[in-house]
Structure formats: C-alpha cells, structure tokens
Amino acid sequence: MELTIPERLMAQTVLPAKGNFVTLRVVMETQRALGFTSDEIAEFGLTSEVGPEGQLQTKWKPEHAETVRDIHISDAAMAILKEELDKLNGDAQLTANHLSLFEKVHATATE
C-alpha cells in the first residue's frame, strides 16, 4: 500500500494497543513495517518534539509531505486498520488527518 509520511504516522496511532495474542503480534509486525528506516529519517529530515499541549509531534522536510513509499500491510493488519478506522467513524471521532488513510484502507479492503 502506498502511504505518505503522515499516513504512516496516522496508521501507527490507529492500531490498537490492546488485544489478544494474535492481534498484538500482527500489530507489532505492522508497526515495524510502518516505521521509518534510518535512511528515511535522514532523507525526510524526521524529528520529534513535544508540542505546546505536551503531545509528541513528528516533523519532516516540507518537500517530503507527499512522498509515498510502498508499505507491505498484511491482510490481517488491513482488517485491523479497517476495523479501528470504522470504530472512529462510527463514534464520529475521525479527523481530517484520518481521511486519506481511511479512503486508502477502504479502497484496498474492497479490491
């Protein structure tokens, strides 16, 4: 699945922190796939800092905002992402930051 930097970061936050053994193994594998290599960190100029509300913020060089990478997401991980995004949608908790990821996950899930 082709994902931008913001989509990769958003997907990591959407994945559940709790679940059964199988779910957590899939989540851990997916977190690694979505993570950034040391080469990508240097290329994109990725940095993390604490924002004004105390939340960790990741920043990158503006010219890489739309840079995509093909990230392998297993069918099991795709099902988990879809379920978690659907929960957010059902609870009216989606934000504008979720939209492109939501659309890509749903487009892939229906293929």
PDB file of N, CA and C in Angstrom:
ATOM      1  N   MET A   1       0.845  -1.160   0.000  1.00  0.00           N
ATOM      2  CA  MET A   1       0.000   0.000   0.000  1.00  0.00           C
ATOM      3  C   MET A   1       0.897   1.231   0.000  1.00  0.00           C
ATOM      4  N   GLU A   2       0.624   2.154  -0.900  1.00  0.00           N
ATOM      5  CA  GLU A   2       1.423   3.374  -0.960  1.00  0.00           C
ATOM      6  C   GLU A   2       0.909   4.383   0.069  1.00  0.00           C
ATOM      7  N   LEU A   3       1.808   4.770   0.973  1.00  0.00           N
ATOM      8  CA  LEU A   3       1.449   5.676   2.061  1.00  0.00           C
ATOM      9  C   LEU A   3       2.440   6.823   2.157  1.00  0.00           C
ATOM     10  N   THR A   4       1.921   7.997   2.505  1.00  0.00           N
ATOM     11  CA  THR A   4       2.752   9.169   2.753  1.00  0.00           C
ATOM     12  C   THR A   4       3.261   9.117   4.198  1.00  0.00           C
ATOM     13  N   ILE A   5       4.153  10.026   4.519  1.00  0.00           N
ATOM     14  CA  ILE A   5       4.656  10.110   5.899  1.00  0.00           C
ATOM     15  C   ILE A   5       3.502  10.310   6.885  1.00  0.00           C
ATOM     16  N   PRO A   6       2.615  11.300   6.659  1.00  0.00           N
ATOM     17  CA  PRO A   6       1.519  11.488   7.613  1.00  0.00           C
ATOM     18  C   PRO A   6       0.601  10.262   7.730  1.00  0.00           C
ATOM     19  N   GLU A   7       0.375   9.568   6.611  1.00  0.00           N
ATOM     20  CA  GLU A   7      -0.480   8.376   6.654  1.00  0.00           C
ATOM     21  C   GLU A   7       0.178   7.253   7.444  1.00  0.00           C
ATOM     22  N   ARG A   8       1.480   7.091   7.298  1.00  0.00           N
ATOM     23  CA  ARG A   8       2.200   6.066   8.072  1.00  0.00           C
ATOM     24  C   ARG A   8       2.120   6.367   9.562  1.00  0.00           C
ATOM     25  N   LEU A   9       2.307   7.624   9.922  1.00  0.00           N
ATOM     26  CA  LEU A   9       2.218   8.014  11.331  1.00  0.00           C
ATOM     27  C   LEU A   9       0.804   7.815  11.863  1.00  0.00           C
ATOM     28  N   MET A  10      -0.187   8.185  11.069  1.00  0.00           N
ATOM     29  CA  MET A  10      -1.581   8.045  11.493  1.00  0.00           C
ATOM     30  C   MET A  10      -1.942   6.572  11.653  1.00  0.00           C
ATOM     31  N   ALA A  11      -1.499   5.736  10.716  1.00  0.00           N
ATOM     32  CA  ALA A  11      -1.796   4.306  10.813  1.00  0.00           C
ATOM     33  C   ALA A  11      -1.230   3.720  12.109  1.00  0.00           C
ATOM     34  N   GLN A  12      -0.040   4.175  12.495  1.00  0.00           N
ATOM     35  CA  GLN A  12       0.556   3.680  13.737  1.00  0.00           C
ATOM     36  C   GLN A  12      -0.286   4.059  14.948  1.00  0.00           C
ATOM     37  N   THR A  13      -0.886   5.237  14.931  1.00  0.00           N
ATOM     38  CA  THR A  13      -1.686   5.656  16.086  1.00  0.00           C
ATOM     39  C   THR A  13      -3.055   4.991  16.108  1.00  0.00           C
ATOM     40  N   VAL A  14      -3.526   4.546  14.959  1.00  0.00           N
ATOM     41  CA  VAL A  14      -4.844   3.908  14.868  1.00  0.00           C
ATOM     42  C   VAL A  14      -4.798   2.461  15.350  1.00  0.00           C
ATOM     43  N   LEU A  15      -3.676   1.803  15.168  1.00  0.00           N
ATOM     44  CA  LEU A  15      -3.563   0.399  15.583  1.00  0.00           C
ATOM     45  C   LEU A  15      -3.802   0.265  17.078  1.00  0.00           C
ATOM     46  N   PRO A  16      -4.499  -0.788  17.492  1.00  0.00           N
ATOM     47  CA  PRO A  16      -4.834  -0.936  18.914  1.00  0.00           C
ATOM     48  C   PRO A  16      -3.617  -1.251  19.781  1.00  0.00           C
ATOM     49  N   ALA A  17      -3.671  -0.803  21.022  1.00  0.00           N
ATOM     50  CA  ALA A  17      -2.602  -1.069  21.988  1.00  0.00           C
ATOM     51  C   ALA A  17      -2.898  -2.334  22.793  1.00  0.00           C
ATOM     52  N   LYS A  18      -4.143  -2.810  22.718  1.00  0.00           N
ATOM     53  CA  LYS A  18      -4.559  -4.000  23.465  1.00  0.00           C
ATOM     54  C   LYS A  18      -5.279  -4.948  22.520  1.00  0.00           C
ATOM     55  N   GLY A  19      -5.263  -6.208  22.891  1.00  0.00           N
ATOM     56  CA  GLY A  19      -5.962  -7.217  22.108  1.00  0.00           C
ATOM     57  C   GLY A  19      -5.481  -8.594  22.510  1.00  0.00           C
ATOM     58  N   ASN A  20      -5.904  -9.585  21.733  1.00  0.00           N
ATOM     59  CA  ASN A  20      -5.447 -10.943  22.021  1.00  0.00           C
ATOM     60  C   ASN A  20      -4.048 -11.148  21.446  1.00  0.00           C
ATOM     61  N   PHE A  21      -3.484 -12.317  21.701  1.00  0.00           N
ATOM     62  CA  PHE A  21      -2.115 -12.612  21.297  1.00  0.00           C
ATOM     63  C   PHE A  21      -1.915 -12.413  19.801  1.00  0.00           C
ATOM     64  N   VAL A  22      -2.794 -12.979  18.998  1.00  0.00           N
ATOM     65  CA  VAL A  22      -2.649 -12.900  17.542  1.00  0.00           C
ATOM     66  C   VAL A  22      -2.744 -11.457  17.070  1.00  0.00           C
ATOM     67  N   THR A  23      -3.711 -10.723  17.575  1.00  0.00           N
ATOM     68  CA  THR A  23      -3.876  -9.317  17.182  1.00  0.00           C
ATOM     69  C   THR A  23      -2.617  -8.521  17.508  1.00  0.00           C
ATOM     70  N   LEU A  24      -2.085  -8.710  18.705  1.00  0.00           N
ATOM     71  CA  LEU A  24      -0.906  -7.945  19.109  1.00  0.00           C
ATOM     72  C   LEU A  24       0.324  -8.316  18.295  1.00  0.00           C
ATOM     73  N   ARG A  25       0.451  -9.581  17.885  1.00  0.00           N
ATOM     74  CA  ARG A  25       1.570  -9.965  17.021  1.00  0.00           C
ATOM     75  C   ARG A  25       1.451  -9.279  15.662  1.00  0.00           C
ATOM     76  N   VAL A  26       0.239  -9.237  15.123  1.00  0.00           N
ATOM     77  CA  VAL A  26       0.004  -8.557  13.841  1.00  0.00           C
ATOM     78  C   VAL A  26       0.282  -7.070  13.982  1.00  0.00           C
ATOM     79  N   VAL A  27      -0.165  -6.478  15.078  1.00  0.00           N
ATOM     80  CA  VAL A  27       0.055  -5.049  15.317  1.00  0.00           C
ATOM     81  C   VAL A  27       1.552  -4.755  15.403  1.00  0.00           C
ATOM     82  N   MET A  28       2.310  -5.571  16.119  1.00  0.00           N
ATOM     83  CA  MET A  28       3.758  -5.344  16.249  1.00  0.00           C
ATOM     84  C   MET A  28       4.449  -5.439  14.893  1.00  0.00           C
ATOM     85  N   GLU A  29       4.067  -6.430  14.104  1.00  0.00           N
ATOM     86  CA  GLU A  29       4.641  -6.591  12.764  1.00  0.00           C
ATOM     87  C   GLU A  29       4.312  -5.373  11.890  1.00  0.00           C
ATOM     88  N   THR A  30       3.101  -4.898  12.007  1.00  0.00           N
ATOM     89  CA  THR A  30       2.657  -3.758  11.205  1.00  0.00           C
ATOM     90  C   THR A  30       3.335  -2.471  11.653  1.00  0.00           C
ATOM     91  N   GLN A  31       3.529  -2.304  12.953  1.00  0.00           N
ATOM     92  CA  GLN A  31       4.241  -1.130  13.468  1.00  0.00           C
ATOM     93  C   GLN A  31       5.651  -1.069  12.880  1.00  0.00           C
ATOM     94  N   ARG A  32       6.308  -2.231  12.809  1.00  0.00           N
ATOM     95  CA  ARG A  32       7.657  -2.273  12.229  1.00  0.00           C
ATOM     96  C   ARG A  32       7.623  -1.896  10.746  1.00  0.00           C
ATOM     97  N   ALA A  33       6.638  -2.399  10.016  1.00  0.00           N
ATOM     98  CA  ALA A  33       6.538  -2.099   8.581  1.00  0.00           C
ATOM     99  C   ALA A  33       6.270  -0.614   8.345  1.00  0.00           C
ATOM    100  N   LEU A  34       5.468  -0.009   9.218  1.00  0.00           N
ATOM    101  CA  LEU A  34       5.113   1.406   9.072  1.00  0.00           C
ATOM    102  C   LEU A  34       6.221   2.339   9.552  1.00  0.00           C
ATOM    103  N   GLY A  35       7.116   1.820  10.376  1.00  0.00           N
ATOM    104  CA  GLY A  35       8.201   2.628  10.924  1.00  0.00           C
ATOM    105  C   GLY A  35       9.152   3.116   9.841  1.00  0.00           C
ATOM    106  N   PHE A  36      10.048   3.972  10.216  1.00  0.00           N
ATOM    107  CA  PHE A  36      10.975   4.601   9.284  1.00  0.00           C
ATOM    108  C   PHE A  36      12.377   4.042   9.477  1.00  0.00           C
ATOM    109  N   THR A  37      13.043   3.773   8.372  1.00  0.00           N
ATOM    110  CA  THR A  37      14.428   3.309   8.432  1.00  0.00           C
ATOM    111  C   THR A  37      15.325   4.497   8.766  1.00  0.00           C
ATOM    112  N   SER A  38      16.556   4.211   9.145  1.00  0.00           N
ATOM    113  CA  SER A  38      17.489   5.306   9.432  1.00  0.00           C
ATOM    114  C   SER A  38      17.742   6.136   8.172  1.00  0.00           C
ATOM    115  N   ASP A  39      17.754   5.490   7.003  1.00  0.00           N
ATOM    116  CA  ASP A  39      17.917   6.234   5.746  1.00  0.00           C
ATOM    117  C   ASP A  39      16.734   7.174   5.502  1.00  0.00           C
ATOM    118  N   GLU A  40      15.516   6.691   5.777  1.00  0.00           N
ATOM    119  CA  GLU A  40      14.329   7.540   5.599  1.00  0.00           C
ATOM    120  C   GLU A  40      14.335   8.702   6.584  1.00  0.00           C
ATOM    121  N   ILE A  41      14.747   8.447   7.803  1.00  0.00           N
ATOM    122  CA  ILE A  41      14.798   9.508   8.809  1.00  0.00           C
ATOM    123  C   ILE A  41      15.702  10.633   8.324  1.00  0.00           C
ATOM    124  N   ALA A  42      16.855  10.267   7.786  1.00  0.00           N
ATOM    125  CA  ALA A  42      17.786  11.273   7.264  1.00  0.00           C
ATOM    126  C   ALA A  42      17.226  11.941   6.012  1.00  0.00           C
ATOM    127  N   GLU A  43      16.713  11.147   5.085  1.00  0.00           N
ATOM    128  CA  GLU A  43      16.189  11.682   3.827  1.00  0.00           C
ATOM    129  C   GLU A  43      15.031  12.657   4.052  1.00  0.00           C
ATOM    130  N   PHE A  44      14.103  12.279   4.913  1.00  0.00           N
ATOM    131  CA  PHE A  44      12.911  13.101   5.149  1.00  0.00           C
ATOM    132  C   PHE A  44      13.140  14.200   6.183  1.00  0.00           C
ATOM    133  N   GLY A  45      14.264  14.136   6.903  1.00  0.00           N
ATOM    134  CA  GLY A  45      14.519  15.112   7.953  1.00  0.00           C
ATOM    135  C   GLY A  45      13.550  14.961   9.116  1.00  0.00           C
ATOM    136  N   LEU A  46      13.217  13.718   9.448  1.00  0.00           N
ATOM    137  CA  LEU A  46      12.254  13.462  10.521  1.00  0.00           C
ATOM    138  C   LEU A  46      12.826  13.847  11.881  1.00  0.00           C
ATOM    139  N   THR A  47      12.029  14.588  12.634  1.00  0.00           N
ATOM    140  CA  THR A  47      12.370  14.934  14.009  1.00  0.00           C
ATOM    141  C   THR A  47      11.109  14.833  14.855  1.00  0.00           C
ATOM    142  N   SER A  48      11.287  14.603  16.138  1.00  0.00           N
ATOM    143  CA  SER A  48      10.160  14.561  17.070  1.00  0.00           C
ATOM    144  C   SER A  48      10.430  15.537  18.196  1.00  0.00           C
ATOM    145  N   GLU A  49       9.376  16.224  18.591  1.00  0.00           N
ATOM    146  CA  GLU A  49       9.489  17.157  19.712  1.00  0.00           C
ATOM    147  C   GLU A  49       8.155  17.231  20.433  1.00  0.00           C
ATOM    148  N   VAL A  50       8.200  17.706  21.652  1.00  0.00           N
ATOM    149  CA  VAL A  50       6.982  17.863  22.435  1.00  0.00           C
ATOM    150  C   VAL A  50       6.319  19.183  22.046  1.00  0.00           C
ATOM    151  N   GLY A  51       5.039  19.074  21.673  1.00  0.00           N
ATOM    152  CA  GLY A  51       4.279  20.255  21.251  1.00  0.00           C
ATOM    153  C   GLY A  51       3.735  21.037  22.429  1.00  0.00           C
ATOM    154  N   PRO A  52       3.021  22.129  22.144  1.00  0.00           N
ATOM    155  CA  PRO A  52       2.512  23.008  23.195  1.00  0.00           C
ATOM    156  C   PRO A  52       1.533  22.329  24.159  1.00  0.00           C
ATOM    157  N   GLU A  53       0.811  21.297  23.679  1.00  0.00           N
ATOM    158  CA  GLU A  53      -0.137  20.589  24.560  1.00  0.00           C
ATOM    159  C   GLU A  53       0.499  19.368  25.216  1.00  0.00           C
ATOM    160  N   GLY A  54       1.816  19.231  25.087  1.00  0.00           N
ATOM    161  CA  GLY A  54       2.522  18.123  25.702  1.00  0.00           C
ATOM    162  C   GLY A  54       2.515  16.844  24.881  1.00  0.00           C
ATOM    163  N   GLN A  55       1.999  16.897  23.655  1.00  0.00           N
ATOM    164  CA  GLN A  55       1.964  15.719  22.799  1.00  0.00           C
ATOM    165  C   GLN A  55       3.212  15.680  21.917  1.00  0.00           C
ATOM    166  N   LEU A  56       3.662  14.473  21.636  1.00  0.00           N
ATOM    167  CA  LEU A  56       4.806  14.294  20.759  1.00  0.00           C
ATOM    168  C   LEU A  56       4.395  14.615  19.325  1.00  0.00           C
ATOM    169  N   GLN A  57       5.152  15.468  18.668  1.00  0.00           N
ATOM    170  CA  GLN A  57       4.886  15.853  17.289  1.00  0.00           C
ATOM    171  C   GLN A  57       6.070  15.435  16.430  1.00  0.00           C
ATOM    172  N   THR A  58       5.762  14.829  15.286  1.00  0.00           N
ATOM    173  CA  THR A  58       6.797  14.448  14.338  1.00  0.00           C
ATOM    174  C   THR A  58       6.764  15.431  13.188  1.00  0.00           C
ATOM    175  N   LYS A  59       7.924  15.918  12.810  1.00  0.00           N
ATOM    176  CA  LYS A  59       8.026  16.887  11.715  1.00  0.00           C
ATOM    177  C   LYS A  59       8.965  16.334  10.656  1.00  0.00           C
ATOM    178  N   TRP A  60       8.827  16.844   9.439  1.00  0.00           N
ATOM    179  CA  TRP A  60       9.644  16.424   8.313  1.00  0.00           C
ATOM    180  C   TRP A  60       9.832  17.580   7.367  1.00  0.00           C
ATOM    181  N   LYS A  61      10.780  17.421   6.447  1.00  0.00           N
ATOM    182  CA  LYS A  61      11.014  18.460   5.451  1.00  0.00           C
ATOM    183  C   LYS A  61       9.745  18.628   4.611  1.00  0.00           C
ATOM    184  N   PRO A  62       9.283  19.869   4.426  1.00  0.00           N
ATOM    185  CA  PRO A  62       8.026  20.104   3.702  1.00  0.00           C
ATOM    186  C   PRO A  62       7.966  19.458   2.316  1.00  0.00           C
ATOM    187  N   GLU A  63       9.112  19.381   1.638  1.00  0.00           N
ATOM    188  CA  GLU A  63       9.105  18.807   0.284  1.00  0.00           C
ATOM    189  C   GLU A  63       8.803  17.305   0.288  1.00  0.00           C
ATOM    190  N   HIS A  64       8.797  16.684   1.471  1.00  0.00           N
ATOM    191  CA  HIS A  64       8.511  15.251   1.549  1.00  0.00           C
ATOM    192  C   HIS A  64       7.107  14.948   2.077  1.00  0.00           C
ATOM    193  N   ALA A  65       6.285  15.960   2.235  1.00  0.00           N
ATOM    194  CA  ALA A  65       4.941  15.760   2.786  1.00  0.00           C
ATOM    195  C   ALA A  65       4.114  14.773   1.963  1.00  0.00           C
ATOM    196  N   GLU A  66       4.324  14.747   0.664  1.00  0.00           N
ATOM    197  CA  GLU A  66       3.547  13.856  -0.203  1.00  0.00           C
ATOM    198  C   GLU A  66       4.370  12.687  -0.745  1.00  0.00           C
ATOM    199  N   THR A  67       5.584  12.513  -0.243  1.00  0.00           N
ATOM    200  CA  THR A  67       6.414  11.391  -0.673  1.00  0.00           C
ATOM    201  C   THR A  67       5.757  10.087  -0.224  1.00  0.00           C
ATOM    202  N   VAL A  68       5.605   9.152  -1.145  1.00  0.00           N
ATOM    203  CA  VAL A  68       4.982   7.877  -0.802  1.00  0.00           C
ATOM    204  C   VAL A  68       6.009   6.758  -0.844  1.00  0.00           C
ATOM    205  N   ARG A  69       5.753   5.762  -0.037  1.00  0.00           N
ATOM    206  CA  ARG A  69       6.538   4.535  -0.035  1.00  0.00           C
ATOM    207  C   ARG A  69       5.537   3.377  -0.055  1.00  0.00           C
ATOM    208  N   ASP A  70       5.917   2.306  -0.733  1.00  0.00           N
ATOM    209  CA  ASP A  70       5.084   1.116  -0.769  1.00  0.00           C
ATOM    210  C   ASP A  70       5.362   0.321   0.502  1.00  0.00           C
ATOM    211  N   ILE A  71       4.367   0.232   1.359  1.00  0.00           N
ATOM    212  CA  ILE A  71       4.494  -0.437   2.644  1.00  0.00           C
ATOM    213  C   ILE A  71       3.675  -1.721   2.602  1.00  0.00           C
ATOM    214  N   HIS A  72       4.307  -2.844   2.936  1.00  0.00           N
ATOM    215  CA  HIS A  72       3.557  -4.102   2.946  1.00  0.00           C
ATOM    216  C   HIS A  72       2.684  -4.158   4.193  1.00  0.00           C
ATOM    217  N   ILE A  73       1.392  -4.234   3.962  1.00  0.00           N
ATOM    218  CA  ILE A  73       0.411  -4.376   5.036  1.00  0.00           C
ATOM    219  C   ILE A  73      -0.291  -5.716   4.794  1.00  0.00           C
ATOM    220  N   SER A  74      -0.187  -6.634   5.726  1.00  0.00           N
ATOM    221  CA  SER A  74      -0.809  -7.950   5.556  1.00  0.00           C
ATOM    222  C   SER A  74      -2.331  -7.828   5.558  1.00  0.00           C
ATOM    223  N   ASP A  75      -2.987  -8.871   5.073  1.00  0.00           N
ATOM    224  CA  ASP A  75      -4.455  -8.880   5.077  1.00  0.00           C
ATOM    225  C   ASP A  75      -4.992  -8.762   6.503  1.00  0.00           C
ATOM    226  N   ALA A  76      -4.342  -9.445   7.435  1.00  0.00           N
ATOM    227  CA  ALA A  76      -4.776  -9.385   8.834  1.00  0.00           C
ATOM    228  C   ALA A  76      -4.638  -7.969   9.382  1.00  0.00           C
ATOM    229  N   ALA A  77      -3.519  -7.323   9.059  1.00  0.00           N
ATOM    230  CA  ALA A  77      -3.301  -5.945   9.522  1.00  0.00           C
ATOM    231  C   ALA A  77      -4.293  -4.996   8.863  1.00  0.00           C
ATOM    232  N   MET A  78      -4.582  -5.227   7.591  1.00  0.00           N
ATOM    233  CA  MET A  78      -5.546  -4.376   6.895  1.00  0.00           C
ATOM    234  C   MET A  78      -6.926  -4.486   7.543  1.00  0.00           C
ATOM    235  N   ALA A  79      -7.297  -5.697   7.935  1.00  0.00           N
ATOM    236  CA  ALA A  79      -8.582  -5.890   8.608  1.00  0.00           C
ATOM    237  C   ALA A  79      -8.622  -5.137   9.939  1.00  0.00           C
ATOM    238  N   ILE A  80      -7.508  -5.169  10.674  1.00  0.00           N
ATOM    239  CA  ILE A  80      -7.442  -4.449  11.958  1.00  0.00           C
ATOM    240  C   ILE A  80      -7.523  -2.947  11.722  1.00  0.00           C
ATOM    241  N   LEU A  81      -6.764  -2.430  10.762  1.00  0.00           N
ATOM    242  CA  LEU A  81      -6.816  -0.993  10.453  1.00  0.00           C
ATOM    243  C   LEU A  81      -8.225  -0.569  10.064  1.00  0.00           C
ATOM    244  N   LYS A  82      -8.861  -1.364   9.211  1.00  0.00           N
ATOM    245  CA  LYS A  82     -10.221  -1.034   8.769  1.00  0.00           C
ATOM    246  C   LYS A  82     -11.190  -1.015   9.953  1.00  0.00           C
ATOM    247  N   GLU A  83     -11.079  -2.027  10.807  1.00  0.00           N
ATOM    248  CA  GLU A  83     -11.953  -2.101  11.980  1.00  0.00           C
ATOM    249  C   GLU A  83     -11.761  -0.889  12.894  1.00  0.00           C
ATOM    250  N   GLU A  84     -10.511  -0.519  13.152  1.00  0.00           N
ATOM    251  CA  GLU A  84     -10.240   0.614  14.046  1.00  0.00           C
ATOM    252  C   GLU A  84     -10.705   1.936  13.436  1.00  0.00           C
ATOM    253  N   LEU A  85     -10.485   2.106  12.139  1.00  0.00           N
ATOM    254  CA  LEU A  85     -10.954   3.330  11.470  1.00  0.00           C
ATOM    255  C   LEU A  85     -12.478   3.378  11.431  1.00  0.00           C
ATOM    256  N   ASP A  86     -13.109   2.227  11.225  1.00  0.00           N
ATOM    257  CA  ASP A  86     -14.576   2.177  11.229  1.00  0.00           C
ATOM    258  C   ASP A  86     -15.140   2.515  12.606  1.00  0.00           C
ATOM    259  N   LYS A  87     -14.440   2.082  13.669  1.00  0.00           N
ATOM    260  CA  LYS A  87     -14.870   2.448  15.030  1.00  0.00           C
ATOM    261  C   LYS A  87     -14.817   3.959  15.208  1.00  0.00           C
ATOM    262  N   LEU A  88     -13.711   4.559  14.778  1.00  0.00           N
ATOM    263  CA  LEU A  88     -13.587   6.025  14.882  1.00  0.00           C
ATOM    264  C   LEU A  88     -14.685   6.710  14.083  1.00  0.00           C
ATOM    265  N   ASN A  89     -14.957   6.202  12.908  1.00  0.00           N
ATOM    266  CA  ASN A  89     -16.006   6.773  12.070  1.00  0.00           C
ATOM    267  C   ASN A  89     -17.376   6.628  12.733  1.00  0.00           C
ATOM    268  N   GLY A  90     -17.663   5.434  13.249  1.00  0.00           N
ATOM    269  CA  GLY A  90     -18.943   5.187  13.909  1.00  0.00           C
ATOM    270  C   GLY A  90     -19.153   6.042  15.139  1.00  0.00           C
ATOM    271  N   ASP A  91     -18.065   6.363  15.817  1.00  0.00           N
ATOM    272  CA  ASP A  91     -18.134   7.205  17.017  1.00  0.00           C
ATOM    273  C   ASP A  91     -17.973   8.694  16.686  1.00  0.00           C
ATOM    274  N   ALA A  92     -17.958   9.019  15.393  1.00  0.00           N
ATOM    275  CA  ALA A  92     -17.755  10.393  14.909  1.00  0.00           C
ATOM    276  C   ALA A  92     -16.468  10.996  15.483  1.00  0.00           C
ATOM    277  N   GLN A  93     -15.399  10.174  15.513  1.00  0.00           N
ATOM    278  CA  GLN A  93     -14.119  10.617  16.060  1.00  0.00           C
ATOM    279  C   GLN A  93     -13.034  10.768  14.997  1.00  0.00           C
ATOM    280  N   LEU A  94     -13.383  10.574  13.724  1.00  0.00           N
ATOM    281  CA  LEU A  94     -12.412  10.792  12.657  1.00  0.00           C
ATOM    282  C   LEU A  94     -12.062  12.271  12.581  1.00  0.00           C
ATOM    283  N   THR A  95     -10.822  12.555  12.213  1.00  0.00           N
ATOM    284  CA  THR A  95     -10.420  13.936  11.978  1.00  0.00           C
ATOM    285  C   THR A  95     -10.003  14.066  10.512  1.00  0.00           C
ATOM    286  N   ALA A  96      -9.760  15.261  10.085  1.00  0.00           N
ATOM    287  CA  ALA A  96      -9.303  15.479   8.708  1.00  0.00           C
ATOM    288  C   ALA A  96      -7.997  14.727   8.454  1.00  0.00           C
ATOM    289  N   ASN A  97      -7.189  14.561   9.480  1.00  0.00           N
ATOM    290  CA  ASN A  97      -5.927  13.835   9.338  1.00  0.00           C
ATOM    291  C   ASN A  97      -6.128  12.352   9.017  1.00  0.00           C
ATOM    292  N   HIS A  98      -7.296  11.806   9.357  1.00  0.00           N
ATOM    293  CA  HIS A  98      -7.579  10.396   9.094  1.00  0.00           C
ATOM    294  C   HIS A  98      -8.080  10.138   7.670  1.00  0.00           C
ATOM    295  N   LEU A  99      -8.583  11.151   6.992  1.00  0.00           N
ATOM    296  CA  LEU A  99      -9.342  10.928   5.760  1.00  0.00           C
ATOM    297  C   LEU A  99      -8.610  10.169   4.672  1.00  0.00           C
ATOM    298  N   SER A 100      -7.405  10.579   4.323  1.00  0.00           N
ATOM    299  CA  SER A 100      -6.715   9.898   3.220  1.00  0.00           C
ATOM    300  C   SER A 100      -6.402   8.448   3.591  1.00  0.00           C
ATOM    301  N   LEU A 101      -6.020   8.185   4.838  1.00  0.00           N
ATOM    302  CA  LEU A 101      -5.772   6.816   5.275  1.00  0.00           C
ATOM    303  C   LEU A 101      -7.063   6.012   5.239  1.00  0.00           C
ATOM    304  N   PHE A 102      -8.145   6.577   5.730  1.00  0.00           N
ATOM    305  CA  PHE A 102      -9.455   5.922   5.723  1.00  0.00           C
ATOM    306  C   PHE A 102      -9.830   5.515   4.300  1.00  0.00           C
ATOM    307  N   GLU A 103      -9.685   6.454   3.365  1.00  0.00           N
ATOM    308  CA  GLU A 103     -10.037   6.184   1.972  1.00  0.00           C
ATOM    309  C   GLU A 103      -9.154   5.093   1.373  1.00  0.00           C
ATOM    310  N   LYS A 104      -7.854   5.135   1.634  1.00  0.00           N
ATOM    311  CA  LYS A 104      -6.942   4.121   1.089  1.00  0.00           C
ATOM    312  C   LYS A 104      -7.231   2.737   1.675  1.00  0.00           C
ATOM    313  N   VAL A 105      -7.463   2.675   2.970  1.00  0.00           N
ATOM    314  CA  VAL A 105      -7.755   1.380   3.609  1.00  0.00           C
ATOM    315  C   VAL A 105      -9.044   0.807   3.059  1.00  0.00           C
ATOM    316  N   HIS A 106     -10.069   1.636   2.918  1.00  0.00           N
ATOM    317  CA  HIS A 106     -11.338   1.163   2.391  1.00  0.00           C
ATOM    318  C   HIS A 106     -11.237   0.786   0.915  1.00  0.00           C
ATOM    319  N   ALA A 107     -10.469   1.504   0.150  1.00  0.00           N
ATOM    320  CA  ALA A 107     -10.280   1.166  -1.269  1.00  0.00           C
ATOM    321  C   ALA A 107      -9.554  -0.172  -1.397  1.00  0.00           C
ATOM    322  N   THR A 108      -8.556  -0.398  -0.557  1.00  0.00           N
ATOM    323  CA  THR A 108      -7.796  -1.646  -0.594  1.00  0.00           C
ATOM    324  C   THR A 108      -8.640  -2.808  -0.088  1.00  0.00           C
ATOM    325  N   ALA A 109      -9.438  -2.553   0.936  1.00  0.00           N
ATOM    326  CA  ALA A 109     -10.255  -3.611   1.539  1.00  0.00           C
ATOM    327  C   ALA A 109     -11.337  -4.109   0.561  1.00  0.00           C
ATOM    328  N   THR A 110     -11.759  -3.278  -0.374  1.00  0.00           N
ATOM    329  CA  THR A 110     -12.811  -3.676  -1.302  1.00  0.00           C
ATOM    330  C   THR A 110     -12.278  -4.248  -2.605  1.00  0.00           C
ATOM    331  N   GLU A 111     -10.939  -4.276  -2.766  1.00  0.00           N
ATOM    332  CA  GLU A 111     -10.354  -4.839  -4.001  1.00  0.00           C
ATOM    333  C   GLU A 111     -10.425  -6.338  -4.020  1.00  0.00           C
TER     334      GLU A 111
END
